[in-house]
Amino acid sequence: MEEREGNSAAKQAGLRLCCYCSQRKPALKRPKTREQICRECFYDVFEEEIHKVIMDNHLFRPGERIAIGASGGKDSTVLAYVLSELNRRHKYGLDLFLLSIDEGITGYRDDSLETVKRNEIQYGLPLKVVSYKDLYGWTMDEIVKVIGLKNNCTFCGVFRRQALDRGATLLKVDKLATGHNADDMAETVLLNILRGDIARLSRCTYIVTGEDGPIPRCKPFKYTYEKEIVIYPFILEFYYILYVSV
């Protein structure tokens, strides 16, 4: 009764309240829906929307081994935390692992690997680090010395995809979960339109890819906005590596 009276008094005074709980003051306007929402409700809604995506798309089955592609950046760090929380809360029955790739790029991967190692301890998830040096006999720095700076990102992208597959095979997992979000999906669609790549355009928005291969990949963040992934760590106050392009 007192709570209702308090809410009524707040409305009469012209104070806005969270559109979900109608009890607390809004802390932000959700980028995805433009709704005024408090910190606590944002935290709950963010996680439960991802849970709904997982359930609606049947991404996982009980007993599966799932590798999470972990770079130490915001997307993979938030994905690792959310999946571990949802797995515990909703009893998915999954065995989760962190899988990180060490490209051998001085000053780029060193700090992020430390973040992933910190996540291993914080979330209690086993970590597997696979390096270009071990897989190919070359680090990316050594490759660049031979081929130069031109197209080096293309080489690295191909090597990284293969390294993730090989790391997932070593872990004997059933699926690889990646942190690709809604913004990434939109960007991929636009790039394929500009390139006129009809074949890729038809499959680039799939939430699960590679089902005809040895290890499928899934995207639990397919409908999650990048801005909300950035906001989420500040709500929970945990650490990730911020990559800044210069």
Protein backbone atom coordinates (compact mmCIF):
# COMPACT_ATOMS: atom_id res chain seq x y z
CA MET A 1 0.00 0.00 0.00
CA GLU A 2 2.77 2.41 0.96
CA GLU A 3 4.66 1.45 -2.22
CA ARG A 4 1.63 2.29 -4.40
CA GLU A 5 1.16 5.59 -2.61
CA GLY A 6 4.83 6.37 -3.14
CA ASN A 7 4.54 5.61 -6.86
CA SER A 8 1.40 7.73 -7.10
CA ALA A 9 3.13 10.63 -5.32
CA ALA A 10 6.11 10.36 -7.65
CA LYS A 11 3.84 10.52 -10.70
CA GLN A 12 1.96 13.50 -9.27
CA ALA A 13 5.25 15.26 -8.70
CA GLY A 14 6.10 14.70 -12.36
CA LEU A 15 8.95 12.27 -11.64
CA ARG A 16 9.56 9.58 -14.22
CA LEU A 17 9.79 5.98 -13.06
CA CYS A 18 11.23 2.88 -14.67
CA CYS A 19 8.77 1.60 -17.29
CA TYR A 20 9.30 -1.99 -16.08
CA CYS A 21 9.13 -1.89 -12.29
CA SER A 22 7.49 1.54 -11.79
CA GLN A 23 9.42 1.81 -8.52
CA ARG A 24 12.84 3.27 -9.22
CA LYS A 25 14.07 6.24 -11.20
CA PRO A 26 15.28 5.47 -14.74
CA ALA A 27 19.06 5.29 -15.12
CA LEU A 28 19.12 5.18 -18.92
CA LYS A 29 17.09 5.07 -22.09
CA ARG A 30 17.50 1.68 -23.74
CA PRO A 31 19.12 2.05 -27.18
CA LYS A 32 17.11 -0.91 -28.46
CA THR A 33 13.60 0.17 -27.40
CA ARG A 34 14.04 3.81 -26.27
CA GLU A 35 12.36 2.86 -22.98
CA GLN A 36 13.26 4.58 -19.71
CA ILE A 37 14.66 1.88 -17.45
CA CYS A 38 16.42 1.58 -14.10
CA ARG A 39 19.78 -0.15 -13.65
CA GLU A 40 18.33 -3.23 -11.96
CA CYS A 41 15.67 -3.82 -14.62
CA PHE A 42 18.14 -3.26 -17.47
CA TYR A 43 20.35 -5.94 -15.97
CA ASP A 44 17.43 -8.42 -15.81
CA VAL A 45 15.90 -7.59 -19.19
CA PHE A 46 19.25 -7.75 -21.00
CA GLU A 47 19.93 -11.27 -19.73
CA GLU A 48 16.41 -12.61 -20.15
CA GLU A 49 16.20 -11.40 -23.76
CA ILE A 50 19.33 -13.43 -24.53
CA HIS A 51 17.83 -16.42 -22.70
CA LYS A 52 14.73 -16.11 -24.91
CA VAL A 53 16.87 -16.05 -28.06
CA ILE A 54 18.69 -19.19 -26.89
CA MET A 55 15.44 -21.02 -26.14
CA ASP A 56 13.47 -19.85 -29.21
CA ASN A 57 16.28 -20.89 -31.55
CA HIS A 58 17.21 -24.10 -29.71
CA LEU A 59 20.87 -23.06 -29.67
CA PHE A 60 21.97 -25.58 -27.05
CA ARG A 61 21.02 -29.00 -25.74
CA PRO A 62 21.66 -30.37 -22.23
CA GLY A 63 25.03 -32.07 -21.93
CA GLU A 64 26.68 -30.20 -24.80
CA ARG A 65 30.22 -28.87 -24.61
CA ILE A 66 30.30 -25.22 -25.72
CA ALA A 67 33.42 -23.18 -26.49
CA ILE A 68 33.09 -19.40 -26.15
CA GLY A 69 35.36 -17.47 -28.51
CA ALA A 70 37.12 -15.19 -26.00
CA SER A 71 39.20 -12.23 -27.16
CA GLY A 72 39.10 -10.15 -23.97
CA GLY A 73 36.99 -7.46 -25.67
CA LYS A 74 33.52 -6.34 -24.61
CA ASP A 75 31.46 -8.74 -26.73
CA SER A 76 33.22 -11.97 -25.76
CA THR A 77 33.67 -10.92 -22.12
CA VAL A 78 29.98 -10.12 -21.71
CA LEU A 79 29.02 -13.28 -23.62
CA ALA A 80 31.14 -15.45 -21.32
CA TYR A 81 29.61 -13.88 -18.21
CA VAL A 82 26.01 -14.01 -19.44
CA LEU A 83 26.23 -17.60 -20.70
CA SER A 84 27.77 -18.79 -17.45
CA GLU A 85 25.02 -17.00 -15.46
CA LEU A 86 22.16 -18.27 -17.66
CA ASN A 87 23.60 -21.79 -17.67
CA ARG A 88 23.52 -21.77 -13.87
CA ARG A 89 20.20 -19.95 -13.46
CA HIS A 90 18.18 -21.84 -16.08
CA LYS A 91 19.99 -25.16 -15.74
CA TYR A 92 21.01 -25.54 -19.39
CA GLY A 93 23.32 -28.36 -18.36
CA LEU A 94 26.20 -27.12 -20.55
CA ASP A 95 29.93 -27.57 -20.11
CA LEU A 96 31.38 -24.14 -20.99
CA PHE A 97 34.96 -23.39 -22.06
CA LEU A 98 36.85 -20.23 -23.02
CA LEU A 99 38.76 -20.48 -26.30
CA SER A 100 41.26 -17.72 -27.07
CA ILE A 101 43.57 -17.22 -30.05
CA ASP A 102 47.06 -15.77 -29.65
CA GLU A 103 47.95 -14.31 -33.05
CA GLY A 104 51.39 -13.26 -31.87
CA ILE A 105 50.87 -9.51 -32.39
CA THR A 106 53.07 -7.59 -29.97
CA GLY A 107 51.23 -4.91 -27.99
CA TYR A 108 47.81 -6.06 -29.20
CA ARG A 109 47.01 -9.48 -27.81
CA ASP A 110 49.15 -9.46 -24.63
CA ASP A 111 46.77 -7.37 -22.48
CA SER A 112 43.62 -9.03 -23.80
CA LEU A 113 44.96 -12.49 -23.00
CA GLU A 114 45.50 -11.33 -19.42
CA THR A 115 41.84 -10.28 -19.35
CA VAL A 116 40.75 -13.70 -20.62
CA LYS A 117 42.89 -15.37 -17.96
CA ARG A 118 41.21 -13.17 -15.36
CA ASN A 119 37.81 -14.26 -16.75
CA GLU A 120 38.86 -17.89 -16.39
CA ILE A 121 39.26 -17.35 -12.64
CA GLN A 122 36.26 -15.04 -12.17
CA TYR A 123 33.74 -17.18 -14.07
CA GLY A 124 35.24 -20.57 -13.22
CA LEU A 125 35.48 -21.56 -16.90
CA PRO A 126 38.39 -23.64 -18.25
CA LEU A 127 40.55 -21.72 -20.76
CA LYS A 128 42.30 -23.01 -23.88
CA VAL A 129 44.74 -20.66 -25.64
CA VAL A 130 45.73 -21.63 -29.20
CA SER A 131 48.58 -19.73 -30.83
CA TYR A 132 49.49 -19.14 -34.47
CA LYS A 133 53.04 -20.17 -33.55
CA ASP A 134 51.92 -23.60 -32.39
CA LEU A 135 49.47 -24.15 -35.25
CA TYR A 136 51.32 -22.66 -38.21
CA GLY A 137 54.89 -22.23 -37.00
CA TRP A 138 54.63 -18.43 -37.50
CA THR A 139 53.41 -15.53 -35.39
CA MET A 140 51.48 -12.76 -37.14
CA ASP A 141 54.40 -10.40 -36.53
CA GLU A 142 56.68 -12.81 -38.38
CA ILE A 143 54.18 -13.15 -41.24
CA VAL A 144 53.96 -9.35 -41.62
CA LYS A 145 57.77 -9.14 -41.89
CA VAL A 146 57.55 -11.43 -44.93
CA ILE A 147 54.38 -10.21 -46.71
CA GLY A 148 54.38 -6.56 -45.58
CA LEU A 149 51.45 -4.56 -44.21
CA LYS A 150 49.28 -4.86 -47.32
CA ASN A 151 46.41 -7.36 -46.92
CA ASN A 152 47.79 -8.59 -43.60
CA CYS A 153 44.30 -8.35 -42.03
CA THR A 154 42.98 -10.71 -44.71
CA PHE A 155 45.64 -13.28 -43.87
CA CYS A 156 45.00 -12.89 -40.14
CA GLY A 157 41.24 -13.29 -40.56
CA VAL A 158 41.63 -16.58 -42.45
CA PHE A 159 44.18 -17.90 -39.96
CA ARG A 160 42.01 -16.87 -37.01
CA ARG A 161 38.91 -18.65 -38.31
CA GLN A 162 40.92 -21.81 -38.88
CA ALA A 163 42.55 -21.48 -35.45
CA LEU A 164 39.14 -21.23 -33.76
CA ASP A 165 37.99 -24.38 -35.55
CA ARG A 166 41.14 -26.26 -34.61
CA GLY A 167 40.98 -25.05 -31.01
CA ALA A 168 37.34 -26.12 -30.79
CA THR A 169 38.32 -29.54 -32.16
CA LEU A 170 41.03 -29.87 -29.50
CA LEU A 171 38.44 -29.10 -26.82
CA LYS A 172 36.05 -31.65 -28.39
CA VAL A 173 33.14 -29.23 -28.18
CA ASP A 174 29.75 -29.50 -29.88
CA LYS A 175 29.41 -25.81 -30.77
CA LEU A 176 31.39 -22.58 -30.81
CA ALA A 177 29.57 -19.50 -29.46
CA THR A 178 30.79 -16.12 -30.74
CA GLY A 179 30.03 -12.55 -29.63
CA HIS A 180 28.69 -11.29 -32.98
CA ASN A 181 25.94 -8.78 -32.20
CA ALA A 182 23.10 -7.09 -34.12
CA ASP A 183 25.39 -4.27 -35.29
CA ASP A 184 27.89 -6.80 -36.65
CA MET A 185 25.10 -8.59 -38.50
CA ALA A 186 23.83 -5.34 -40.04
CA GLU A 187 27.35 -4.40 -41.11
CA THR A 188 27.84 -7.80 -42.75
CA VAL A 189 24.56 -7.46 -44.64
CA LEU A 190 25.54 -4.01 -45.98
CA LEU A 191 29.02 -5.19 -46.99
CA ASN A 192 27.61 -8.15 -48.89
CA ILE A 193 25.09 -5.88 -50.65
CA LEU A 194 27.86 -3.48 -51.67
CA ARG A 195 29.99 -6.38 -52.90
CA GLY A 196 27.08 -7.97 -54.71
CA ASP A 197 27.80 -11.23 -52.89
CA ILE A 198 24.38 -12.87 -53.16
CA ALA A 199 25.58 -16.27 -51.93
CA ARG A 200 26.87 -14.87 -48.64
CA LEU A 201 23.95 -12.45 -48.31
CA SER A 202 21.52 -15.36 -48.15
CA ARG A 203 23.25 -16.98 -45.17
CA CYS A 204 25.07 -14.17 -43.32
CA THR A 205 22.15 -13.54 -40.94
CA TYR A 206 21.78 -17.15 -39.79
CA ILE A 207 22.00 -17.49 -36.02
CA VAL A 208 23.73 -20.85 -36.48
CA THR A 209 26.28 -21.42 -39.24
CA GLY A 210 28.54 -24.28 -40.25
CA GLU A 211 26.01 -26.98 -39.43
CA ASP A 212 27.34 -29.00 -42.36
CA GLY A 213 30.86 -28.81 -40.89
CA PRO A 214 32.51 -30.44 -37.91
CA ILE A 215 31.69 -27.69 -35.39
CA PRO A 216 28.70 -25.31 -35.85
CA ARG A 217 28.96 -21.70 -34.69
CA CYS A 218 26.13 -19.84 -32.97
CA LYS A 219 25.46 -16.19 -32.16
CA PRO A 220 23.47 -15.69 -28.93
CA PHE A 221 23.89 -11.90 -29.36
CA LYS A 222 22.29 -11.81 -32.83
CA TYR A 223 19.52 -9.44 -31.64
CA THR A 224 21.57 -7.61 -29.00
CA TYR A 225 22.58 -4.01 -29.73
CA GLU A 226 26.26 -3.14 -29.38
CA LYS A 227 25.44 -0.07 -27.27
CA GLU A 228 23.69 -2.24 -24.72
CA ILE A 229 26.65 -4.62 -24.60
CA VAL A 230 28.82 -1.58 -23.80
CA ILE A 231 26.40 -0.42 -21.08
CA TYR A 232 26.08 -3.84 -19.42
CA PRO A 233 29.63 -4.06 -17.98
CA PHE A 234 29.21 -0.63 -16.40
CA ILE A 235 26.06 -1.86 -14.65
CA LEU A 236 27.94 -4.86 -13.26
CA GLU A 237 31.27 -3.06 -12.99
CA PHE A 238 33.48 -5.70 -14.56
CA TYR A 239 36.55 -5.36 -16.74
CA TYR A 240 37.25 -5.87 -20.43
CA ILE A 241 39.77 -4.62 -22.96
CA LEU A 242 38.68 -1.62 -25.01
CA TYR A 243 40.15 -1.62 -28.50
CA VAL A 244 40.69 1.82 -29.94
CA SER A 245 41.40 2.32 -33.63
CA VAL A 246 44.04 4.96 -34.33
